[in-house]
Amino acid sequence: MFDVLVYLYENYHHPEVCPEPVELAKSLSEIGFKEAEIRDALTWLTELAARTQGFSSRKPDERAFPASAHRVYAPQEYAALGVEAIGFIESLANAGVLKPIEREIAIERGLAANESPLTLEKLRIVVLMVLWSQGDDPDALLLDALFPDDDGSEPRLPH
């Protein structure tokens, strides 16, 4: 599933430019992705869109999420996400990279990945897809934080 998500991010600058699901699934299959990973990725993205729409339709008052507030994680969230992933989410939130609502969507989508604990690499993809779904184009510094360069290759560039 995560390989499909990365492919979509790299090849479609915004979710709105993705083809319809049936056409997208066909093209992903032709590229070589397996049917199960395509199905899982498209389901995950559909649910991401629903969560994003749900949050934006309620338009919660930003004052409900003051900067001084501390997010308390449930034991189930710790078990599913792991301490390292939660620390990463909190560091992005504290740096202002993730708005409180985006943090909640990232947590929910991380839990929806059904991997326990979710690896930091996969959580980074979740965060990238949450930002992508919001129309946020991460700058080079954020991309470096999301995907540290371990092999000395060229730095990643935003869309």
N, C-alpha and C. Protein backbone atom coordinates (compact mmCIF):
# COMPACT_ATOMS: atom_id res chain seq x y z
N MET A 1 0.81 -1.19 0.00
CA MET A 1 0.00 0.00 0.00
C MET A 1 0.86 1.26 0.00
N PHE A 2 1.91 1.28 0.81
CA PHE A 2 2.72 2.48 0.95
C PHE A 2 3.48 2.81 -0.33
N ASP A 3 3.89 1.78 -1.08
CA ASP A 3 4.56 2.05 -2.36
C ASP A 3 3.61 2.75 -3.33
N VAL A 4 2.35 2.33 -3.32
CA VAL A 4 1.35 2.98 -4.18
C VAL A 4 1.15 4.43 -3.76
N LEU A 5 1.07 4.68 -2.45
CA LEU A 5 0.89 6.04 -1.96
C LEU A 5 2.05 6.94 -2.38
N VAL A 6 3.27 6.44 -2.26
CA VAL A 6 4.44 7.23 -2.66
C VAL A 6 4.40 7.49 -4.17
N TYR A 7 4.04 6.48 -4.94
CA TYR A 7 3.93 6.67 -6.39
C TYR A 7 2.93 7.77 -6.72
N LEU A 8 1.78 7.75 -6.06
CA LEU A 8 0.76 8.76 -6.33
C LEU A 8 1.26 10.16 -5.97
N TYR A 9 1.94 10.27 -4.83
CA TYR A 9 2.48 11.57 -4.44
C TYR A 9 3.49 12.08 -5.48
N GLU A 10 4.36 11.19 -5.92
CA GLU A 10 5.41 11.59 -6.85
C GLU A 10 4.89 11.92 -8.25
N ASN A 11 3.74 11.34 -8.62
CA ASN A 11 3.26 11.49 -9.99
C ASN A 11 2.04 12.39 -10.14
N TYR A 12 1.37 12.71 -9.06
CA TYR A 12 0.20 13.58 -9.10
C TYR A 12 0.40 14.68 -8.08
N HIS A 13 0.48 15.91 -8.53
CA HIS A 13 0.82 17.02 -7.65
C HIS A 13 -0.25 17.31 -6.61
N HIS A 14 -1.48 17.00 -6.92
CA HIS A 14 -2.58 17.20 -5.97
C HIS A 14 -3.59 16.08 -6.18
N PRO A 15 -4.34 15.72 -5.17
CA PRO A 15 -5.31 14.63 -5.31
C PRO A 15 -6.33 14.89 -6.42
N GLU A 16 -6.65 16.16 -6.66
CA GLU A 16 -7.66 16.49 -7.66
C GLU A 16 -7.25 16.08 -9.08
N VAL A 17 -5.96 15.93 -9.33
CA VAL A 17 -5.52 15.57 -10.68
C VAL A 17 -5.42 14.06 -10.88
N CYS A 18 -5.68 13.29 -9.85
CA CYS A 18 -5.69 11.83 -10.00
C CYS A 18 -6.88 11.42 -10.85
N PRO A 19 -6.70 10.40 -11.68
CA PRO A 19 -7.84 9.89 -12.45
C PRO A 19 -8.88 9.27 -11.51
N GLU A 20 -10.03 8.96 -12.06
CA GLU A 20 -11.07 8.28 -11.30
C GLU A 20 -10.52 6.94 -10.79
N PRO A 21 -11.04 6.44 -9.67
CA PRO A 21 -10.47 5.22 -9.07
C PRO A 21 -10.34 4.02 -10.00
N VAL A 22 -11.33 3.76 -10.84
CA VAL A 22 -11.26 2.60 -11.73
C VAL A 22 -10.11 2.77 -12.72
N GLU A 23 -10.02 3.95 -13.31
CA GLU A 23 -8.95 4.24 -14.27
C GLU A 23 -7.58 4.23 -13.57
N LEU A 24 -7.53 4.80 -12.38
CA LEU A 24 -6.28 4.83 -11.62
C LEU A 24 -5.83 3.42 -11.26
N ALA A 25 -6.76 2.59 -10.81
CA ALA A 25 -6.43 1.20 -10.46
C ALA A 25 -5.88 0.46 -11.68
N LYS A 26 -6.48 0.69 -12.83
CA LYS A 26 -6.01 0.03 -14.06
C LYS A 26 -4.59 0.47 -14.39
N SER A 27 -4.33 1.78 -14.33
CA SER A 27 -2.98 2.25 -14.67
C SER A 27 -1.95 1.77 -13.65
N LEU A 28 -2.32 1.72 -12.37
CA LEU A 28 -1.40 1.22 -11.35
C LEU A 28 -1.10 -0.26 -11.58
N SER A 29 -2.11 -1.01 -11.98
CA SER A 29 -1.91 -2.43 -12.27
C SER A 29 -0.99 -2.61 -13.47
N GLU A 30 -1.16 -1.79 -14.48
CA GLU A 30 -0.30 -1.86 -15.67
C GLU A 30 1.15 -1.54 -15.34
N ILE A 31 1.35 -0.67 -14.35
CA ILE A 31 2.71 -0.32 -13.93
C ILE A 31 3.37 -1.48 -13.20
N GLY A 32 2.55 -2.33 -12.57
CA GLY A 32 3.10 -3.50 -11.89
C GLY A 32 2.71 -3.64 -10.43
N PHE A 33 1.89 -2.73 -9.92
CA PHE A 33 1.44 -2.88 -8.54
C PHE A 33 0.43 -4.01 -8.45
N LYS A 34 0.44 -4.71 -7.32
CA LYS A 34 -0.47 -5.83 -7.10
C LYS A 34 -1.87 -5.32 -6.75
N GLU A 35 -2.86 -6.11 -7.13
CA GLU A 35 -4.26 -5.72 -6.92
C GLU A 35 -4.56 -5.41 -5.45
N ALA A 36 -4.05 -6.22 -4.55
CA ALA A 36 -4.33 -6.01 -3.12
C ALA A 36 -3.75 -4.69 -2.62
N GLU A 37 -2.52 -4.36 -3.03
CA GLU A 37 -1.93 -3.10 -2.56
C GLU A 37 -2.61 -1.90 -3.20
N ILE A 38 -3.09 -2.04 -4.43
CA ILE A 38 -3.85 -0.97 -5.07
C ILE A 38 -5.16 -0.75 -4.33
N ARG A 39 -5.86 -1.84 -4.07
CA ARG A 39 -7.14 -1.76 -3.36
C ARG A 39 -6.96 -1.13 -1.98
N ASP A 40 -5.95 -1.60 -1.25
CA ASP A 40 -5.70 -1.05 0.09
C ASP A 40 -5.37 0.44 0.04
N ALA A 41 -4.55 0.83 -0.91
CA ALA A 41 -4.16 2.25 -1.03
C ALA A 41 -5.35 3.12 -1.40
N LEU A 42 -6.16 2.66 -2.36
CA LEU A 42 -7.31 3.47 -2.77
C LEU A 42 -8.35 3.55 -1.67
N THR A 43 -8.54 2.48 -0.92
CA THR A 43 -9.45 2.51 0.23
C THR A 43 -8.94 3.48 1.27
N TRP A 44 -7.64 3.40 1.57
CA TRP A 44 -7.02 4.28 2.55
C TRP A 44 -7.17 5.75 2.13
N LEU A 45 -6.96 6.03 0.84
CA LEU A 45 -7.09 7.41 0.34
C LEU A 45 -8.54 7.89 0.37
N THR A 46 -9.48 7.00 0.06
CA THR A 46 -10.89 7.36 0.13
C THR A 46 -11.27 7.73 1.55
N GLU A 47 -10.78 6.94 2.50
CA GLU A 47 -11.05 7.24 3.91
C GLU A 47 -10.34 8.52 4.35
N LEU A 48 -9.14 8.77 3.82
CA LEU A 48 -8.44 10.03 4.11
C LEU A 48 -9.27 11.21 3.62
N ALA A 49 -9.80 11.11 2.42
CA ALA A 49 -10.63 12.20 1.89
C ALA A 49 -11.88 12.40 2.74
N ALA A 50 -12.48 11.30 3.20
CA ALA A 50 -13.67 11.41 4.05
C ALA A 50 -13.33 12.07 5.38
N ARG A 51 -12.21 11.69 5.98
CA ARG A 51 -11.81 12.29 7.26
C ARG A 51 -11.50 13.78 7.09
N THR A 52 -10.79 14.09 6.02
CA THR A 52 -10.44 15.48 5.74
C THR A 52 -11.71 16.31 5.53
N GLN A 53 -12.63 15.77 4.75
CA GLN A 53 -13.90 16.45 4.51
C GLN A 53 -14.68 16.59 5.81
N GLY A 54 -14.67 15.54 6.62
CA GLY A 54 -15.39 15.58 7.89
C GLY A 54 -14.86 16.67 8.81
N PHE A 55 -13.55 16.78 8.88
CA PHE A 55 -12.96 17.82 9.72
C PHE A 55 -13.25 19.21 9.15
N SER A 56 -13.10 19.37 7.84
CA SER A 56 -13.29 20.70 7.27
C SER A 56 -14.75 21.12 7.29
N SER A 57 -15.68 20.17 7.19
CA SER A 57 -17.10 20.54 7.21
C SER A 57 -17.53 21.00 8.60
N ARG A 58 -16.88 20.47 9.63
CA ARG A 58 -17.21 20.89 11.00
C ARG A 58 -16.53 22.22 11.34
N LYS A 59 -15.50 22.56 10.57
CA LYS A 59 -14.74 23.80 10.78
C LYS A 59 -14.54 24.10 12.27
N PRO A 60 -13.80 23.24 12.94
CA PRO A 60 -13.61 23.49 14.37
C PRO A 60 -12.90 24.81 14.60
N ASP A 61 -13.27 25.46 15.64
CA ASP A 61 -12.68 26.73 16.02
C ASP A 61 -11.21 26.48 16.37
N GLU A 62 -10.31 27.20 15.72
CA GLU A 62 -8.88 27.04 15.98
C GLU A 62 -8.55 27.30 17.45
N ARG A 63 -9.39 28.09 18.12
CA ARG A 63 -9.15 28.34 19.54
C ARG A 63 -9.37 27.09 20.38
N ALA A 64 -10.06 26.10 19.80
CA ALA A 64 -10.25 24.84 20.51
C ALA A 64 -8.94 24.06 20.59
N PHE A 65 -7.96 24.46 19.80
CA PHE A 65 -6.65 23.81 19.77
C PHE A 65 -5.56 24.83 20.07
N PRO A 66 -5.51 25.37 21.27
CA PRO A 66 -4.48 26.38 21.56
C PRO A 66 -3.08 25.78 21.46
N ALA A 67 -2.13 26.62 21.10
CA ALA A 67 -0.74 26.17 20.93
C ALA A 67 -0.18 25.59 22.22
N SER A 68 -0.68 26.05 23.35
CA SER A 68 -0.17 25.57 24.63
C SER A 68 -0.79 24.24 25.05
N ALA A 69 -1.80 23.77 24.31
CA ALA A 69 -2.46 22.52 24.68
C ALA A 69 -1.52 21.33 24.44
N HIS A 70 -1.69 20.32 25.25
CA HIS A 70 -0.87 19.11 25.14
C HIS A 70 -1.77 17.95 24.73
N ARG A 71 -1.41 17.25 23.67
CA ARG A 71 -2.18 16.10 23.18
C ARG A 71 -1.82 14.89 24.03
N VAL A 72 -2.82 14.28 24.64
CA VAL A 72 -2.62 13.07 25.43
C VAL A 72 -3.03 11.89 24.56
N TYR A 73 -2.12 10.95 24.41
CA TYR A 73 -2.37 9.78 23.58
C TYR A 73 -2.94 8.64 24.41
N ALA A 74 -3.92 7.95 23.84
CA ALA A 74 -4.52 6.79 24.50
C ALA A 74 -3.55 5.61 24.45
N PRO A 75 -3.66 4.68 25.39
CA PRO A 75 -2.79 3.50 25.36
C PRO A 75 -2.85 2.75 24.02
N GLN A 76 -4.03 2.70 23.41
CA GLN A 76 -4.17 2.02 22.12
C GLN A 76 -3.38 2.75 21.03
N GLU A 77 -3.31 4.06 21.12
CA GLU A 77 -2.54 4.83 20.14
C GLU A 77 -1.05 4.57 20.32
N TYR A 78 -0.60 4.51 21.58
CA TYR A 78 0.81 4.18 21.84
C TYR A 78 1.14 2.80 21.31
N ALA A 79 0.24 1.84 21.55
CA ALA A 79 0.50 0.47 21.11
C ALA A 79 0.55 0.37 19.59
N ALA A 80 -0.35 1.07 18.91
CA ALA A 80 -0.43 0.96 17.46
C ALA A 80 0.63 1.79 16.75
N LEU A 81 0.91 2.99 17.26
CA LEU A 81 1.84 3.88 16.57
C LEU A 81 3.27 3.73 17.06
N GLY A 82 3.43 3.48 18.34
CA GLY A 82 4.77 3.37 18.91
C GLY A 82 5.28 4.72 19.37
N VAL A 83 6.19 4.69 20.31
CA VAL A 83 6.73 5.90 20.92
C VAL A 83 7.47 6.76 19.89
N GLU A 84 8.25 6.13 19.03
CA GLU A 84 9.03 6.89 18.04
C GLU A 84 8.12 7.66 17.09
N ALA A 85 7.06 7.01 16.62
CA ALA A 85 6.13 7.67 15.69
C ALA A 85 5.40 8.82 16.38
N ILE A 86 4.97 8.60 17.61
CA ILE A 86 4.28 9.66 18.34
C ILE A 86 5.23 10.83 18.58
N GLY A 87 6.46 10.54 18.92
CA GLY A 87 7.45 11.60 19.09
C GLY A 87 7.64 12.40 17.82
N PHE A 88 7.65 11.72 16.69
CA PHE A 88 7.81 12.41 15.40
C PHE A 88 6.60 13.30 15.11
N ILE A 89 5.40 12.77 15.33
CA ILE A 89 4.19 13.57 15.12
C ILE A 89 4.23 14.81 15.99
N GLU A 90 4.59 14.63 17.25
CA GLU A 90 4.61 15.77 18.17
C GLU A 90 5.68 16.79 17.79
N SER A 91 6.82 16.31 17.29
CA SER A 91 7.86 17.27 16.87
C SER A 91 7.38 18.10 15.69
N LEU A 92 6.65 17.48 14.76
CA LEU A 92 6.10 18.23 13.62
C LEU A 92 5.02 19.21 14.09
N ALA A 93 4.20 18.78 15.04
CA ALA A 93 3.15 19.66 15.56
C ALA A 93 3.77 20.84 16.32
N ASN A 94 4.76 20.56 17.15
CA ASN A 94 5.42 21.62 17.92
C ASN A 94 6.16 22.61 17.03
N ALA A 95 6.64 22.14 15.88
CA ALA A 95 7.34 23.01 14.94
C ALA A 95 6.36 23.79 14.06
N GLY A 96 5.07 23.50 14.20
CA GLY A 96 4.07 24.19 13.39
C GLY A 96 3.89 23.62 12.00
N VAL A 97 4.52 22.48 11.73
CA VAL A 97 4.40 21.85 10.42
C VAL A 97 3.02 21.22 10.27
N LEU A 98 2.55 20.58 11.33
CA LEU A 98 1.22 19.98 11.34
C LEU A 98 0.30 20.85 12.19
N LYS A 99 -0.80 21.29 11.61
CA LYS A 99 -1.82 21.97 12.39
C LYS A 99 -2.48 20.91 13.28
N PRO A 100 -3.11 21.31 14.36
CA PRO A 100 -3.74 20.32 15.24
C PRO A 100 -4.70 19.37 14.52
N ILE A 101 -5.48 19.89 13.60
CA ILE A 101 -6.41 19.03 12.87
C ILE A 101 -5.65 18.05 11.98
N GLU A 102 -4.59 18.51 11.33
CA GLU A 102 -3.77 17.61 10.50
C GLU A 102 -3.11 16.54 11.37
N ARG A 103 -2.70 16.91 12.57
CA ARG A 103 -2.12 15.93 13.49
C ARG A 103 -3.15 14.84 13.79
N GLU A 104 -4.39 15.23 14.05
CA GLU A 104 -5.43 14.25 14.35
C GLU A 104 -5.70 13.34 13.16
N ILE A 105 -5.72 13.92 11.96
CA ILE A 105 -5.92 13.11 10.76
C ILE A 105 -4.74 12.15 10.57
N ALA A 106 -3.52 12.63 10.79
CA ALA A 106 -2.34 11.77 10.66
C ALA A 106 -2.39 10.62 11.66
N ILE A 107 -2.81 10.90 12.88
CA ILE A 107 -2.93 9.84 13.89
C ILE A 107 -3.97 8.82 13.44
N GLU A 108 -5.13 9.31 13.02
CA GLU A 108 -6.21 8.41 12.59
C GLU A 108 -5.78 7.56 11.40
N ARG A 109 -5.10 8.18 10.42
CA ARG A 109 -4.67 7.43 9.24
C ARG A 109 -3.53 6.48 9.57
N GLY A 110 -2.69 6.84 10.53
CA GLY A 110 -1.67 5.91 11.00
C GLY A 110 -2.29 4.69 11.64
N LEU A 111 -3.31 4.91 12.44
CA LEU A 111 -4.02 3.79 13.07
C LEU A 111 -4.70 2.93 12.02
N ALA A 112 -5.21 3.56 10.96
CA ALA A 112 -5.91 2.83 9.90
C ALA A 112 -4.99 1.96 9.06
N ALA A 113 -3.69 2.17 9.17
CA ALA A 113 -2.74 1.35 8.40
C ALA A 113 -2.70 -0.08 8.92
N ASN A 114 -3.24 -0.31 10.11
CA ASN A 114 -3.32 -1.65 10.69
C ASN A 114 -1.97 -2.35 10.79
N GLU A 115 -0.96 -1.60 11.16
CA GLU A 115 0.36 -2.17 11.45
C GLU A 115 0.75 -1.69 12.83
N SER A 116 1.18 -2.62 13.65
CA SER A 116 1.47 -2.24 15.03
C SER A 116 2.80 -2.80 15.48
N PRO A 117 3.74 -1.97 15.85
CA PRO A 117 3.72 -0.52 15.71
C PRO A 117 4.03 -0.12 14.27
N LEU A 118 3.54 1.03 13.90
CA LEU A 118 3.79 1.57 12.57
C LEU A 118 5.23 2.07 12.52
N THR A 119 5.97 1.65 11.50
CA THR A 119 7.36 2.10 11.41
C THR A 119 7.40 3.60 11.15
N LEU A 120 8.49 4.21 11.55
CA LEU A 120 8.65 5.64 11.34
C LEU A 120 8.63 5.98 9.85
N GLU A 121 9.23 5.13 9.04
CA GLU A 121 9.24 5.35 7.60
C GLU A 121 7.81 5.41 7.05
N LYS A 122 6.97 4.49 7.49
CA LYS A 122 5.58 4.47 7.02
C LYS A 122 4.78 5.64 7.58
N LEU A 123 5.06 6.01 8.82
CA LEU A 123 4.38 7.17 9.39
C LEU A 123 4.73 8.43 8.61
N ARG A 124 5.96 8.54 8.18
CA ARG A 124 6.37 9.69 7.38
C ARG A 124 5.55 9.77 6.09
N ILE A 125 5.28 8.62 5.49
CA ILE A 125 4.45 8.58 4.28
C ILE A 125 3.03 9.01 4.62
N VAL A 126 2.51 8.55 5.76
CA VAL A 126 1.17 8.96 6.21
C VAL A 126 1.11 10.48 6.33
N VAL A 127 2.09 11.07 7.00
CA VAL A 127 2.11 12.53 7.18
C VAL A 127 2.19 13.23 5.82
N LEU A 128 3.04 12.74 4.94
CA LEU A 128 3.16 13.33 3.61
C LEU A 128 1.82 13.29 2.88
N MET A 129 1.12 12.17 2.97
CA MET A 129 -0.17 12.05 2.29
C MET A 129 -1.23 12.93 2.92
N VAL A 130 -1.18 13.12 4.23
CA VAL A 130 -2.12 14.03 4.88
C VAL A 130 -1.89 15.45 4.37
N LEU A 131 -0.64 15.87 4.32
CA LEU A 131 -0.32 17.21 3.81
C LEU A 131 -0.73 17.33 2.34
N TRP A 132 -0.46 16.30 1.56
CA TRP A 132 -0.82 16.26 0.14
C TRP A 132 -2.33 16.41 -0.02
N SER A 133 -3.09 15.71 0.82
CA SER A 133 -4.55 15.77 0.73
C SER A 133 -5.09 17.15 1.07
N GLN A 134 -4.33 17.91 1.86
CA GLN A 134 -4.73 19.26 2.25
C GLN A 134 -4.30 20.30 1.21
N GLY A 135 -3.57 19.85 0.19
CA GLY A 135 -3.06 20.77 -0.82
C GLY A 135 -1.79 21.46 -0.39
N ASP A 136 -1.20 21.00 0.72
CA ASP A 136 0.06 21.58 1.19
C ASP A 136 1.22 20.95 0.43
N ASP A 137 2.08 21.79 -0.10
CA ASP A 137 3.26 21.30 -0.82
C ASP A 137 4.46 21.49 0.10
N PRO A 138 4.96 20.40 0.68
CA PRO A 138 6.06 20.55 1.64
C PRO A 138 7.29 21.18 1.01
N ASP A 139 7.94 22.04 1.77
CA ASP A 139 9.17 22.64 1.27
C ASP A 139 10.32 21.64 1.44
N ALA A 140 11.47 22.00 0.93
CA ALA A 140 12.63 21.09 0.94
C ALA A 140 13.03 20.69 2.36
N LEU A 141 12.95 21.62 3.31
CA LEU A 141 13.31 21.29 4.69
C LEU A 141 12.37 20.25 5.28
N LEU A 142 11.08 20.39 5.00
CA LEU A 142 10.12 19.41 5.50
C LEU A 142 10.34 18.06 4.83
N LEU A 143 10.59 18.06 3.53
CA LEU A 143 10.87 16.79 2.85
C LEU A 143 12.09 16.10 3.45
N ASP A 144 13.11 16.88 3.80
CA ASP A 144 14.28 16.29 4.44
C ASP A 144 13.93 15.71 5.80
N ALA A 145 13.03 16.35 6.53
CA ALA A 145 12.60 15.82 7.83
C ALA A 145 11.76 14.56 7.65
N LEU A 146 10.92 14.56 6.60
CA LEU A 146 10.08 13.39 6.37
C LEU A 146 10.88 12.22 5.82
N PHE A 147 11.87 12.51 4.98
CA PHE A 147 12.64 11.46 4.34
C PHE A 147 14.12 11.79 4.38
N PRO A 148 14.77 11.54 5.52
CA PRO A 148 16.20 11.87 5.63
C PRO A 148 17.01 11.16 4.55
N ASP A 149 18.00 11.85 4.05
CA ASP A 149 18.84 11.35 2.97
C ASP A 149 20.00 10.55 3.56
N ASP A 150 19.89 9.22 3.47
CA ASP A 150 20.92 8.37 4.05
C ASP A 150 21.98 7.93 3.05
N ASP A 151 21.70 8.09 1.76
CA ASP A 151 22.62 7.54 0.77
C ASP A 151 23.47 8.59 0.05
N GLY A 152 23.36 9.85 0.45
CA GLY A 152 24.20 10.89 -0.16
C GLY A 152 23.76 11.32 -1.54
N SER A 153 22.56 10.92 -1.96
CA SER A 153 22.10 11.31 -3.29
C SER A 153 21.60 12.75 -3.27
N GLU A 154 21.10 13.18 -4.39
CA GLU A 154 20.59 14.55 -4.53
C GLU A 154 19.47 14.80 -3.51
N PRO A 155 19.34 16.03 -3.03
CA PRO A 155 18.25 16.34 -2.11
C PRO A 155 16.90 16.23 -2.81
N ARG A 156 15.88 15.89 -2.05
CA ARG A 156 14.55 15.78 -2.61
C ARG A 156 13.99 17.18 -2.85
N LEU A 157 13.22 17.30 -3.90
CA LEU A 157 12.62 18.59 -4.23
C LEU A 157 11.11 18.47 -4.12
N PRO A 158 10.45 19.52 -3.64
CA PRO A 158 8.99 19.50 -3.63
C PRO A 158 8.46 19.54 -5.05
N HIS A 159 7.17 19.29 -5.20
CA HIS A 159 6.55 19.33 -6.53
C HIS A 159 6.93 20.61 -7.14
